[in-house]
Protein backbone atom coordinates (compact mmCIF):
# COMPACT_ATOMS: atom_id res chain seq x y z
CA MET A 1 44.46 -6.23 -16.20
CA THR A 2 42.74 -3.55 -14.24
CA ASP A 3 42.53 -3.81 -10.44
CA GLY A 4 38.86 -3.57 -10.18
CA ASN A 5 37.92 0.24 -9.94
CA PRO A 6 37.49 1.28 -12.67
CA LYS A 7 37.04 4.81 -10.95
CA LYS A 8 40.23 4.97 -9.86
CA HIS A 9 41.58 6.24 -13.55
CA ILE A 10 38.59 8.33 -14.13
CA ILE A 11 38.98 12.05 -12.47
CA ARG A 12 36.04 14.44 -12.50
CA THR A 13 37.65 17.88 -13.16
CA GLY A 14 34.28 20.23 -13.26
CA ARG A 15 30.66 20.74 -12.91
CA GLU A 16 29.03 23.52 -14.49
CA VAL A 17 25.26 23.86 -13.59
CA VAL A 18 23.35 24.35 -17.05
CA TYR A 19 19.81 25.76 -15.04
CA GLN A 20 18.65 25.19 -11.64
CA GLY A 21 14.62 24.07 -11.42
CA ALA A 22 13.39 23.49 -8.21
CA ILE A 23 14.42 19.89 -7.74
CA LEU A 24 16.44 19.24 -10.26
CA LYS A 25 19.69 20.95 -11.58
CA PHE A 26 20.82 20.15 -14.92
CA CYS A 27 24.88 19.71 -15.42
CA ARG A 28 27.56 18.53 -17.81
CA ASP A 29 30.79 17.43 -15.94
CA THR A 30 33.82 17.34 -17.34
CA ILE A 31 35.78 13.71 -17.28
CA HIS A 32 39.36 12.76 -17.84
CA THR A 33 39.34 9.19 -18.89
CA PRO A 34 42.20 6.63 -18.25
CA ASP A 35 43.25 7.10 -21.85
CA GLY A 36 43.73 10.36 -21.33
CA ARG A 37 40.82 12.10 -23.54
CA THR A 38 38.81 14.38 -22.01
CA GLU A 39 35.15 14.23 -22.28
CA TYR A 40 31.71 15.55 -21.07
CA TYR A 41 28.87 14.34 -19.38
CA ASP A 42 24.67 15.03 -18.69
CA PHE A 43 24.64 15.02 -14.95
CA VAL A 44 20.89 15.45 -13.41
CA ASP A 45 21.34 16.18 -9.91
CA HIS A 46 18.22 15.51 -7.90
CA SER A 47 16.61 15.61 -4.34
CA ARG A 48 15.80 12.39 -2.25
CA ALA A 49 12.51 11.52 -2.45
CA ALA A 50 10.39 9.64 -0.68
CA ALA A 51 7.53 6.72 -1.74
CA CYS A 52 5.25 3.31 -0.09
CA VAL A 53 3.82 0.02 -0.79
CA ALA A 54 1.11 0.30 1.07
CA VAL A 55 -0.41 -3.66 1.43
CA ARG A 56 -4.06 -3.38 3.00
CA ASP A 57 -5.35 -6.09 5.31
CA ASP A 58 -6.55 -8.26 2.43
CA GLY A 59 -2.58 -8.32 0.70
CA LYS A 60 -4.36 -5.52 -1.91
CA ILE A 61 -1.48 -2.79 -2.88
CA LEU A 62 -2.78 0.11 -3.06
CA LEU A 63 -1.58 2.26 -5.63
CA VAL A 64 -2.24 6.07 -7.54
CA ARG A 65 -2.82 6.41 -11.52
CA GLN A 66 -1.98 10.31 -12.51
CA TYR A 67 -1.20 11.99 -15.06
CA ARG A 68 2.28 12.67 -15.93
CA GLU A 69 3.20 15.68 -18.11
CA ALA A 70 6.75 13.81 -18.82
CA ILE A 71 5.27 10.70 -20.95
CA ASP A 72 1.96 13.16 -21.67
CA ARG A 73 -0.34 10.34 -20.54
CA ILE A 74 -2.09 8.90 -17.14
CA ALA A 75 1.09 6.21 -15.17
CA THR A 76 -0.20 4.18 -12.52
CA GLU A 77 2.78 4.50 -9.26
CA ILE A 78 2.85 3.58 -6.06
CA PRO A 79 2.14 7.06 -4.03
CA ALA A 80 5.48 9.00 -3.96
CA GLY A 81 6.91 12.52 -3.49
CA GLY A 82 9.72 14.53 -2.54
CA ILE A 83 11.02 15.29 0.82
CA ASN A 84 10.20 19.11 2.90
CA ARG A 85 12.89 20.94 4.97
CA GLY A 86 12.85 19.75 8.33
CA GLU A 87 11.49 16.61 7.37
CA THR A 88 12.41 12.63 6.99
CA SER A 89 12.15 9.99 3.99
CA LEU A 90 10.28 8.23 6.57
CA GLN A 91 7.88 11.17 7.51
CA ALA A 92 7.69 12.22 3.55
CA ALA A 93 6.76 8.60 2.99
CA ALA A 94 3.80 8.74 5.25
CA ARG A 95 2.74 12.47 4.00
CA GLU A 96 2.59 11.51 0.51
CA LEU A 97 0.47 8.42 1.25
CA GLU A 98 -2.09 10.42 2.94
CA GLU A 99 -2.32 13.21 0.57
CA GLU A 100 -1.97 11.26 -2.21
CA THR A 101 -4.39 8.19 -1.21
CA GLY A 102 -6.76 9.40 1.75
CA TYR A 103 -5.14 6.79 3.57
CA ARG A 104 -2.90 6.54 6.55
CA ALA A 105 -0.88 3.49 7.48
CA LYS A 106 -0.49 2.53 11.00
CA ARG A 107 3.16 0.58 10.66
CA VAL A 108 5.33 2.37 8.26
CA SER A 109 8.97 1.04 7.90
CA PRO A 110 11.72 0.71 5.56
CA LEU A 111 11.80 -1.44 2.46
CA LEU A 112 14.34 -0.28 0.11
CA SER A 113 16.96 2.63 -1.00
CA GLU A 114 16.61 2.53 -5.30
CA ILE A 115 18.30 4.91 -6.97
CA THR A 116 15.68 4.87 -9.76
CA ALA A 117 17.82 6.77 -12.97
CA ILE A 118 22.02 5.66 -12.47
CA ALA A 119 23.41 6.25 -15.22
CA TYR A 120 22.37 10.17 -15.22
CA SER A 121 20.95 11.24 -12.11
CA ASN A 122 22.17 10.80 -8.82
CA GLU A 123 18.14 10.61 -7.60
CA VAL A 124 17.48 7.89 -4.70
CA VAL A 125 14.25 6.60 -3.37
CA ASP A 126 13.68 5.86 0.34
CA VAL A 127 10.31 3.30 0.28
CA PHE A 128 8.55 2.45 2.92
CA LEU A 129 5.87 -0.65 3.91
CA ALA A 130 3.48 0.84 4.88
CA GLU A 131 0.88 -1.50 7.05
CA GLY A 132 -2.90 -1.59 8.80
CA LEU A 133 -4.37 1.47 6.39
CA GLU A 134 -6.69 3.31 7.67
CA MET A 135 -9.09 5.82 5.20
CA THR A 136 -8.96 9.19 5.89
CA SER A 137 -9.17 11.94 3.00
CA GLN A 138 -7.27 13.24 0.39
CA HIS A 139 -5.11 16.21 0.29
CA LEU A 140 -3.94 17.32 -3.31
CA ASP A 141 -2.59 19.70 -4.61
CA PRO A 142 -3.73 22.18 -6.75
CA ASP A 143 -2.06 20.75 -9.81
CA GLU A 144 -3.36 17.15 -9.14
CA ALA A 145 -5.56 14.75 -10.24
CA ILE A 146 -4.58 11.25 -8.47
CA GLU A 147 -7.03 8.43 -8.19
CA PRO A 148 -6.59 5.64 -5.81
CA LEU A 149 -6.71 2.25 -6.81
CA PHE A 150 -6.04 -1.35 -4.67
CA LEU A 151 -4.28 -4.48 -6.66
CA THR A 152 -3.72 -8.11 -5.62
CA PRO A 153 -0.42 -8.83 -6.27
CA GLU A 154 -1.41 -11.41 -9.07
CA GLU A 155 -3.18 -8.33 -10.99
CA PHE A 156 -0.10 -6.49 -10.02
CA ILE A 157 2.57 -8.41 -12.07
CA ARG A 158 0.01 -9.17 -14.88
CA GLU A 159 -0.21 -5.41 -15.29
CA VAL A 160 3.55 -5.22 -15.38
CA ALA A 161 3.60 -8.00 -17.66
CA GLU A 162 1.53 -6.74 -19.92
CA GLY A 163 3.24 -3.44 -20.32
CA ARG A 164 0.47 -1.34 -17.75
CA ILE A 165 2.43 -0.52 -15.64
CA GLN A 166 6.39 1.07 -16.27
CA ASP A 167 7.59 3.42 -13.64
CA SER A 168 10.76 1.70 -12.46
CA LYS A 169 10.56 2.86 -9.16
CA THR A 170 6.81 1.56 -8.90
CA ILE A 171 8.08 -1.94 -10.51
CA ALA A 172 10.77 -2.18 -8.34
CA ALA A 173 9.63 -1.39 -5.16
CA VAL A 174 6.27 -3.33 -5.69
CA MET A 175 8.14 -6.81 -6.70
CA THR A 176 10.59 -6.09 -3.54
CA TRP A 177 8.31 -6.11 -1.24
CA ILE A 178 6.14 -9.14 -3.35
CA ALA A 179 9.56 -11.42 -3.05
CA LYS A 180 10.07 -10.42 0.88
CA ASP A 181 6.62 -11.42 1.54
CA ARG A 182 6.87 -14.95 -0.27
CA ILE A 183 10.10 -15.66 1.59
CA LYS A 184 8.48 -14.42 4.32
CA ARG A 185 5.45 -16.83 4.50
CA ASN A 186 8.00 -19.64 2.68
CA ASP A 187 10.59 -19.59 5.98
CA ARG A 188 7.29 -20.37 8.37
């Protein structure tokens, strides 16, 4: 019988940075297991990121469609990106929203923080709810081609159920907002 603390007997004794990119470090960890073996573990160290579930006054969710090299196709996602030096995650989320969609939010509040790939990475995405949307203009990076689109919560759920939206941060964030919104409505 264990005491419920699996880490008590697992010890990381080393971390070697195999490659360091702009926002990622690829590492090889050395782990000693409870039975005395030495194992090696791939680990991706990722800078923190921020995102928005942006909701128009009529309840439609603002998403973006953009090409993603990792999957070699267009993906539908919530607006998201890295946090710049000196920026809070809330500021980064608001900035990414306007840059990617051309909309600014009057109100931005915390929704959730999620770990996107807990088995091999420490990436945390702080997700905010953005409301009171006002149209401004997109400010895309030279390598970005992003198309904003709006979906009702029902359309979003259908897109997920039919496999057209597959991004885990987007699914977790929007479904959290839908659940919280429905709970709030039922509590009235």
